[in-house]
Amino acid sequence: MANLHTPEVLDSKIREIVEGKANVKLDIEWVPNSNYNEKLNSAFATNTLPQVVSIGSEQLDQFREAIPSYKISKLSTTHKSPCLLR
């Protein structure tokens, strides 16, 4: 799930590059920025968060309590390389 800051979904070129470099298939759910917090809260409350979400400082305090319960993990602890596009 990712914030969409434009009226249209982004070009798939960047997604294709990341998929090729990381050898993965991405299924990105673009959510309009105006609805993102609501969608994120709903997914969290119903335990339907996707594998990867973007959270900013405004959501960090809200989700901080979930980190000890292992609902959320830091990307750096689950992946050996923090940069996929090397």
C-alpha atoms as a PDB file:
ATOM      1  CA  MET A   1       0.000   0.000   0.000  1.00  0.00           C
ATOM      2  CA  ALA A   2       1.480   3.334  -1.017  1.00  0.00           C
ATOM      3  CA  ASN A   3       0.441   6.981  -0.974  1.00  0.00           C
ATOM      4  CA  LEU A   4      -0.672   8.419  -4.276  1.00  0.00           C
ATOM      5  CA  HIS A   5       0.076  12.142  -4.405  1.00  0.00           C
ATOM      6  CA  THR A   6      -1.099  12.665  -7.993  1.00  0.00           C
ATOM      7  CA  PRO A   7      -4.493  12.247  -9.665  1.00  0.00           C
ATOM      8  CA  GLU A   8      -3.139   9.386 -11.788  1.00  0.00           C
ATOM      9  CA  VAL A   9      -1.289   6.183 -10.928  1.00  0.00           C
ATOM     10  CA  LEU A  10       2.427   6.438 -11.550  1.00  0.00           C
ATOM     11  CA  ASP A  11       4.120   4.978 -14.612  1.00  0.00           C
ATOM     12  CA  SER A  12       4.974   1.320 -14.115  1.00  0.00           C
ATOM     13  CA  LYS A  13       8.602   1.788 -15.249  1.00  0.00           C
ATOM     14  CA  ILE A  14      10.018   2.204 -11.711  1.00  0.00           C
ATOM     15  CA  ARG A  15       8.035  -0.800 -10.486  1.00  0.00           C
ATOM     16  CA  GLU A  16       9.382  -2.877 -13.367  1.00  0.00           C
ATOM     17  CA  ILE A  17      12.975  -1.855 -12.570  1.00  0.00           C
ATOM     18  CA  VAL A  18      12.588  -2.781  -8.895  1.00  0.00           C
ATOM     19  CA  GLU A  19      10.927  -6.093  -9.822  1.00  0.00           C
ATOM     20  CA  GLY A  20      13.792  -6.929 -12.163  1.00  0.00           C
ATOM     21  CA  LYS A  21      16.553  -5.999  -9.708  1.00  0.00           C
ATOM     22  CA  ALA A  22      14.937  -7.737  -6.729  1.00  0.00           C
ATOM     23  CA  ASN A  23      13.531 -10.675  -8.717  1.00  0.00           C
ATOM     24  CA  VAL A  24      10.070 -10.189  -7.185  1.00  0.00           C
ATOM     25  CA  LYS A  25       6.571  -9.408  -8.415  1.00  0.00           C
ATOM     26  CA  LEU A  26       5.063  -6.319  -6.762  1.00  0.00           C
ATOM     27  CA  ASP A  27       1.356  -5.751  -6.316  1.00  0.00           C
ATOM     28  CA  ILE A  28       1.112  -2.108  -5.279  1.00  0.00           C
ATOM     29  CA  GLU A  29      -2.200  -0.778  -4.033  1.00  0.00           C
ATOM     30  CA  TRP A  30      -2.115   2.968  -4.689  1.00  0.00           C
ATOM     31  CA  VAL A  31      -4.262   4.878  -2.203  1.00  0.00           C
ATOM     32  CA  PRO A  32      -5.062   8.576  -2.672  1.00  0.00           C
ATOM     33  CA  ASN A  33      -3.164  10.619  -0.092  1.00  0.00           C
ATOM     34  CA  SER A  34      -6.417  12.113   1.220  1.00  0.00           C
ATOM     35  CA  ASN A  35      -7.668   8.596   2.170  1.00  0.00           C
ATOM     36  CA  TYR A  36      -4.356   6.976   3.115  1.00  0.00           C
ATOM     37  CA  ASN A  37      -4.549   7.382   6.909  1.00  0.00           C
ATOM     38  CA  GLU A  38      -8.111   6.055   6.987  1.00  0.00           C
ATOM     39  CA  LYS A  39      -7.188   3.057   4.827  1.00  0.00           C
ATOM     40  CA  LEU A  40      -4.058   2.388   6.915  1.00  0.00           C
ATOM     41  CA  ASN A  41      -6.003   2.569  10.204  1.00  0.00           C
ATOM     42  CA  SER A  42      -8.702   0.270   8.853  1.00  0.00           C
ATOM     43  CA  ALA A  43      -6.170  -2.295   7.615  1.00  0.00           C
ATOM     44  CA  PHE A  44      -4.340  -2.201  10.940  1.00  0.00           C
ATOM     45  CA  ALA A  45      -7.513  -2.566  12.997  1.00  0.00           C
ATOM     46  CA  THR A  46      -8.724  -5.538  10.940  1.00  0.00           C
ATOM     47  CA  ASN A  47      -5.276  -7.186  10.767  1.00  0.00           C
ATOM     48  CA  THR A  48      -5.248  -6.932   6.960  1.00  0.00           C
ATOM     49  CA  LEU A  49      -2.107  -4.858   6.489  1.00  0.00           C
ATOM     50  CA  PRO A  50      -0.226  -5.680   3.306  1.00  0.00           C
ATOM     51  CA  GLN A  51       3.356  -6.957   3.597  1.00  0.00           C
ATOM     52  CA  VAL A  52       4.750  -3.446   3.079  1.00  0.00           C
ATOM     53  CA  VAL A  53       3.225  -0.084   3.968  1.00  0.00           C
ATOM     54  CA  SER A  54       4.586   3.415   4.108  1.00  0.00           C
ATOM     55  CA  ILE A  55       4.272   5.163   7.445  1.00  0.00           C
ATOM     56  CA  GLY A  56       5.396   8.651   8.250  1.00  0.00           C
ATOM     57  CA  SER A  57       6.168  10.367  11.504  1.00  0.00           C
ATOM     58  CA  GLU A  58       2.470  11.081  12.096  1.00  0.00           C
ATOM     59  CA  GLN A  59       1.696   7.333  12.102  1.00  0.00           C
ATOM     60  CA  LEU A  60       4.861   6.205  13.882  1.00  0.00           C
ATOM     61  CA  ASP A  61       3.557   6.883  17.395  1.00  0.00           C
ATOM     62  CA  GLN A  62       0.298   5.160  16.565  1.00  0.00           C
ATOM     63  CA  PHE A  63       2.031   1.978  15.374  1.00  0.00           C
ATOM     64  CA  ARG A  64       4.893   2.002  17.864  1.00  0.00           C
ATOM     65  CA  GLU A  65       2.954  -0.271  20.236  1.00  0.00           C
ATOM     66  CA  ALA A  66       2.630  -2.941  17.521  1.00  0.00           C
ATOM     67  CA  ILE A  67       6.384  -3.338  17.091  1.00  0.00           C
ATOM     68  CA  PRO A  68       6.915  -5.429  20.276  1.00  0.00           C
ATOM     69  CA  SER A  69       4.062  -7.745  19.253  1.00  0.00           C
ATOM     70  CA  TYR A  70       5.868  -8.481  15.964  1.00  0.00           C
ATOM     71  CA  LYS A  71       3.057  -7.188  13.806  1.00  0.00           C
ATOM     72  CA  ILE A  72       5.577  -4.756  12.357  1.00  0.00           C
ATOM     73  CA  SER A  73       9.232  -5.372  11.648  1.00  0.00           C
ATOM     74  CA  LYS A  74      11.951  -3.006  10.547  1.00  0.00           C
ATOM     75  CA  LEU A  75      12.992  -3.549   6.956  1.00  0.00           C
ATOM     76  CA  SER A  76      16.636  -3.517   7.986  1.00  0.00           C
ATOM     77  CA  THR A  77      16.102  -6.497  10.318  1.00  0.00           C
ATOM     78  CA  THR A  78      14.352  -8.665   7.738  1.00  0.00           C
ATOM     79  CA  HIS A  79      16.525  -7.979   4.710  1.00  0.00           C
ATOM     80  CA  LYS A  80      20.299  -8.247   4.448  1.00  0.00           C
ATOM     81  CA  SER A  81      20.622  -5.388   1.970  1.00  0.00           C
ATOM     82  CA  PRO A  82      18.777  -2.121   2.667  1.00  0.00           C
ATOM     83  CA  CYS A  83      19.094  -1.066  -0.978  1.00  0.00           C
ATOM     84  CA  LEU A  84      17.566  -3.182  -3.751  1.00  0.00           C
ATOM     85  CA  LEU A  85      18.862  -1.087  -6.628  1.00  0.00           C
ATOM     86  CA  ARG A  86      22.608  -1.596  -6.238  1.00  0.00           C
END
